[in-house]
Amino acid sequence: MQLPIGFCGVQVVANNEQSRGLEQFLKLKRACNDNTPRTPPQS
């Protein structure tokens, strides 16, 4: 199950408005993507 785009998108945009550049936006976006729950492989 993946999080809806809005869940991370809204948070990232809101934080980016207070950030000082695109670097912060990319960092937040990457952190958001890294936090996406993944199903562990079952063998």
PDB file of N, CA and C in Angstrom:
ATOM      1  N   MET A   1       0.844  -1.200   0.000  1.00  0.00           N
ATOM      2  CA  MET A   1       0.000   0.000   0.000  1.00  0.00           C
ATOM      3  C   MET A   1       0.873   1.241   0.000  1.00  0.00           C
ATOM      4  N   GLN A   2       0.636   2.123  -0.954  1.00  0.00           N
ATOM      5  CA  GLN A   2       1.410   3.357  -1.028  1.00  0.00           C
ATOM      6  C   GLN A   2       0.571   4.520  -0.517  1.00  0.00           C
ATOM      7  N   LEU A   3       1.239   5.500   0.056  1.00  0.00           N
ATOM      8  CA  LEU A   3       0.532   6.676   0.534  1.00  0.00           C
ATOM      9  C   LEU A   3       0.029   7.481  -0.655  1.00  0.00           C
ATOM     10  N   PRO A   4      -1.132   8.103  -0.524  1.00  0.00           N
ATOM     11  CA  PRO A   4      -1.624   8.975  -1.594  1.00  0.00           C
ATOM     12  C   PRO A   4      -0.664  10.134  -1.816  1.00  0.00           C
ATOM     13  N   ILE A   5      -0.595  10.612  -3.050  1.00  0.00           N
ATOM     14  CA  ILE A   5       0.352  11.676  -3.387  1.00  0.00           C
ATOM     15  C   ILE A   5       0.137  12.894  -2.495  1.00  0.00           C
ATOM     16  N   GLY A   6      -1.119  13.192  -2.212  1.00  0.00           N
ATOM     17  CA  GLY A   6      -1.441  14.366  -1.406  1.00  0.00           C
ATOM     18  C   GLY A   6      -0.836  14.299  -0.022  1.00  0.00           C
ATOM     19  N   PHE A   7      -0.676  13.095   0.519  1.00  0.00           N
ATOM     20  CA  PHE A   7      -0.173  12.949   1.885  1.00  0.00           C
ATOM     21  C   PHE A   7       1.212  13.556   2.004  1.00  0.00           C
ATOM     22  N   CYS A   8       2.071  13.248   1.037  1.00  0.00           N
ATOM     23  CA  CYS A   8       3.423  13.796   1.064  1.00  0.00           C
ATOM     24  C   CYS A   8       3.475  15.122   0.315  1.00  0.00           C
ATOM     25  N   GLY A   9       2.768  15.204  -0.779  1.00  0.00           N
ATOM     26  CA  GLY A   9       2.832  16.390  -1.626  1.00  0.00           C
ATOM     27  C   GLY A   9       2.479  17.662  -0.879  1.00  0.00           C
ATOM     28  N   VAL A  10       1.388  17.624  -0.144  1.00  0.00           N
ATOM     29  CA  VAL A  10       0.943  18.822   0.571  1.00  0.00           C
ATOM     30  C   VAL A  10       1.964  19.227   1.614  1.00  0.00           C
ATOM     31  N   GLN A  11       2.477  18.254   2.342  1.00  0.00           N
ATOM     32  CA  GLN A  11       3.451  18.546   3.396  1.00  0.00           C
ATOM     33  C   GLN A  11       4.728  19.137   2.796  1.00  0.00           C
ATOM     34  N   VAL A  12       5.188  18.542   1.715  1.00  0.00           N
ATOM     35  CA  VAL A  12       6.416  19.018   1.077  1.00  0.00           C
ATOM     36  C   VAL A  12       6.241  20.442   0.569  1.00  0.00           C
ATOM     37  N   VAL A  13       5.121  20.714  -0.079  1.00  0.00           N
ATOM     38  CA  VAL A  13       4.873  22.056  -0.615  1.00  0.00           C
ATOM     39  C   VAL A  13       4.785  23.073   0.515  1.00  0.00           C
ATOM     40  N   ALA A  14       4.084  22.720   1.588  1.00  0.00           N
ATOM     41  CA  ALA A  14       3.939  23.633   2.724  1.00  0.00           C
ATOM     42  C   ALA A  14       5.299  23.957   3.321  1.00  0.00           C
ATOM     43  N   ASN A  15       6.146  22.956   3.454  1.00  0.00           N
ATOM     44  CA  ASN A  15       7.478  23.176   4.006  1.00  0.00           C
ATOM     45  C   ASN A  15       8.343  23.965   3.032  1.00  0.00           C
ATOM     46  N   ASN A  16       8.143  23.722   1.739  1.00  0.00           N
ATOM     47  CA  ASN A  16       8.964  24.393   0.735  1.00  0.00           C
ATOM     48  C   ASN A  16       8.693  25.894   0.734  1.00  0.00           C
ATOM     49  N   GLU A  17       7.465  26.291   1.074  1.00  0.00           N
ATOM     50  CA  GLU A  17       7.130  27.715   1.096  1.00  0.00           C
ATOM     51  C   GLU A  17       7.970  28.445   2.135  1.00  0.00           C
ATOM     52  N   GLN A  18       8.385  27.723   3.167  1.00  0.00           N
ATOM     53  CA  GLN A  18       9.179  28.337   4.224  1.00  0.00           C
ATOM     54  C   GLN A  18      10.672  28.074   4.026  1.00  0.00           C
ATOM     55  N   SER A  19      10.994  27.241   3.055  1.00  0.00           N
ATOM     56  CA  SER A  19      12.403  26.905   2.831  1.00  0.00           C
ATOM     57  C   SER A  19      13.081  28.017   2.044  1.00  0.00           C
ATOM     58  N   ARG A  20      14.376  27.880   1.865  1.00  0.00           N
ATOM     59  CA  ARG A  20      15.134  28.942   1.201  1.00  0.00           C
ATOM     60  C   ARG A  20      15.585  28.530  -0.190  1.00  0.00           C
ATOM     61  N   GLY A  21      15.091  27.388  -0.683  1.00  0.00           N
ATOM     62  CA  GLY A  21      15.507  26.996  -2.025  1.00  0.00           C
ATOM     63  C   GLY A  21      15.019  25.625  -2.421  1.00  0.00           C
ATOM     64  N   LEU A  22      15.353  25.241  -3.637  1.00  0.00           N
ATOM     65  CA  LEU A  22      14.906  23.965  -4.187  1.00  0.00           C
ATOM     66  C   LEU A  22      15.582  22.792  -3.492  1.00  0.00           C
ATOM     67  N   GLU A  23      16.770  23.001  -2.958  1.00  0.00           N
ATOM     68  CA  GLU A  23      17.503  21.914  -2.302  1.00  0.00           C
ATOM     69  C   GLU A  23      16.692  21.345  -1.145  1.00  0.00           C
ATOM     70  N   GLN A  24      16.108  22.228  -0.327  1.00  0.00           N
ATOM     71  CA  GLN A  24      15.298  21.781   0.796  1.00  0.00           C
ATOM     72  C   GLN A  24      14.085  21.001   0.300  1.00  0.00           C
ATOM     73  N   PHE A  25      13.482  21.490  -0.787  1.00  0.00           N
ATOM     74  CA  PHE A  25      12.318  20.816  -1.367  1.00  0.00           C
ATOM     75  C   PHE A  25      12.675  19.398  -1.792  1.00  0.00           C
ATOM     76  N   LEU A  26      13.799  19.244  -2.462  1.00  0.00           N
ATOM     77  CA  LEU A  26      14.218  17.919  -2.916  1.00  0.00           C
ATOM     78  C   LEU A  26      14.530  17.021  -1.733  1.00  0.00           C
ATOM     79  N   LYS A  27      15.125  17.592  -0.684  1.00  0.00           N
ATOM     80  CA  LYS A  27      15.454  16.804   0.500  1.00  0.00           C
ATOM     81  C   LYS A  27      14.179  16.286   1.156  1.00  0.00           C
ATOM     82  N   LEU A  28      13.181  17.159   1.289  1.00  0.00           N
ATOM     83  CA  LEU A  28      11.919  16.756   1.903  1.00  0.00           C
ATOM     84  C   LEU A  28      11.215  15.726   1.035  1.00  0.00           C
ATOM     85  N   LYS A  29      11.256  15.947  -0.271  1.00  0.00           N
ATOM     86  CA  LYS A  29      10.588  15.021  -1.182  1.00  0.00           C
ATOM     87  C   LYS A  29      11.245  13.647  -1.110  1.00  0.00           C
ATOM     88  N   ARG A  30      12.565  13.628  -1.062  1.00  0.00           N
ATOM     89  CA  ARG A  30      13.285  12.362  -0.981  1.00  0.00           C
ATOM     90  C   ARG A  30      12.985  11.671   0.343  1.00  0.00           C
ATOM     91  N   ALA A  31      12.969  12.427   1.426  1.00  0.00           N
ATOM     92  CA  ALA A  31      12.670  11.858   2.740  1.00  0.00           C
ATOM     93  C   ALA A  31      11.263  11.276   2.743  1.00  0.00           C
ATOM     94  N   CYS A  32      10.355  11.954   2.097  1.00  0.00           N
ATOM     95  CA  CYS A  32       8.978  11.484   2.027  1.00  0.00           C
ATOM     96  C   CYS A  32       8.922  10.170   1.264  1.00  0.00           C
ATOM     97  N   ASN A  33       9.632  10.104   0.148  1.00  0.00           N
ATOM     98  CA  ASN A  33       9.637   8.875  -0.645  1.00  0.00           C
ATOM     99  C   ASN A  33      10.285   7.732   0.127  1.00  0.00           C
ATOM    100  N   ASP A  34      11.314   8.050   0.907  1.00  0.00           N
ATOM    101  CA  ASP A  34      12.001   7.016   1.680  1.00  0.00           C
ATOM    102  C   ASP A  34      11.100   6.465   2.774  1.00  0.00           C
ATOM    103  N   ASN A  35      10.148   7.288   3.234  1.00  0.00           N
ATOM    104  CA  ASN A  35       9.261   6.868   4.309  1.00  0.00           C
ATOM    105  C   ASN A  35       8.068   6.076   3.792  1.00  0.00           C
ATOM    106  N   THR A  36       7.974   5.928   2.471  1.00  0.00           N
ATOM    107  CA  THR A  36       6.865   5.167   1.912  1.00  0.00           C
ATOM    108  C   THR A  36       6.965   3.716   2.373  1.00  0.00           C
ATOM    109  N   PRO A  37       5.908   3.207   2.999  1.00  0.00           N
ATOM    110  CA  PRO A  37       5.961   1.826   3.501  1.00  0.00           C
ATOM    111  C   PRO A  37       6.145   0.827   2.369  1.00  0.00           C
ATOM    112  N   ARG A  38       7.034  -0.126   2.576  1.00  0.00           N
ATOM    113  CA  ARG A  38       7.265  -1.159   1.560  1.00  0.00           C
ATOM    114  C   ARG A  38       6.969  -2.520   2.173  1.00  0.00           C
ATOM    115  N   THR A  39       6.406  -3.391   1.372  1.00  0.00           N
ATOM    116  CA  THR A  39       6.124  -4.735   1.880  1.00  0.00           C
ATOM    117  C   THR A  39       7.388  -5.569   1.781  1.00  0.00           C
ATOM    118  N   PRO A  40       7.874  -6.118   2.874  1.00  0.00           N
ATOM    119  CA  PRO A  40       9.085  -6.930   2.843  1.00  0.00           C
ATOM    120  C   PRO A  40       8.863  -8.199   2.036  1.00  0.00           C
ATOM    121  N   PRO A  41       9.861  -8.632   1.281  1.00  0.00           N
ATOM    122  CA  PRO A  41       9.735  -9.850   0.474  1.00  0.00           C
ATOM    123  C   PRO A  41       9.566 -11.069   1.363  1.00  0.00           C
ATOM    124  N   GLN A  42       8.579 -11.881   1.041  1.00  0.00           N
ATOM    125  CA  GLN A  42       8.341 -13.098   1.819  1.00  0.00           C
ATOM    126  C   GLN A  42       8.682 -14.308   0.971  1.00  0.00           C
ATOM    127  N   SER A  43       9.520 -15.195   1.505  1.00  0.00           N
ATOM    128  CA  SER A  43       9.924 -16.371   0.736  1.00  0.00           C
ATOM    129  C   SER A  43       9.477 -17.642   1.435  1.00  0.00           C
TER     130      SER A  43
END
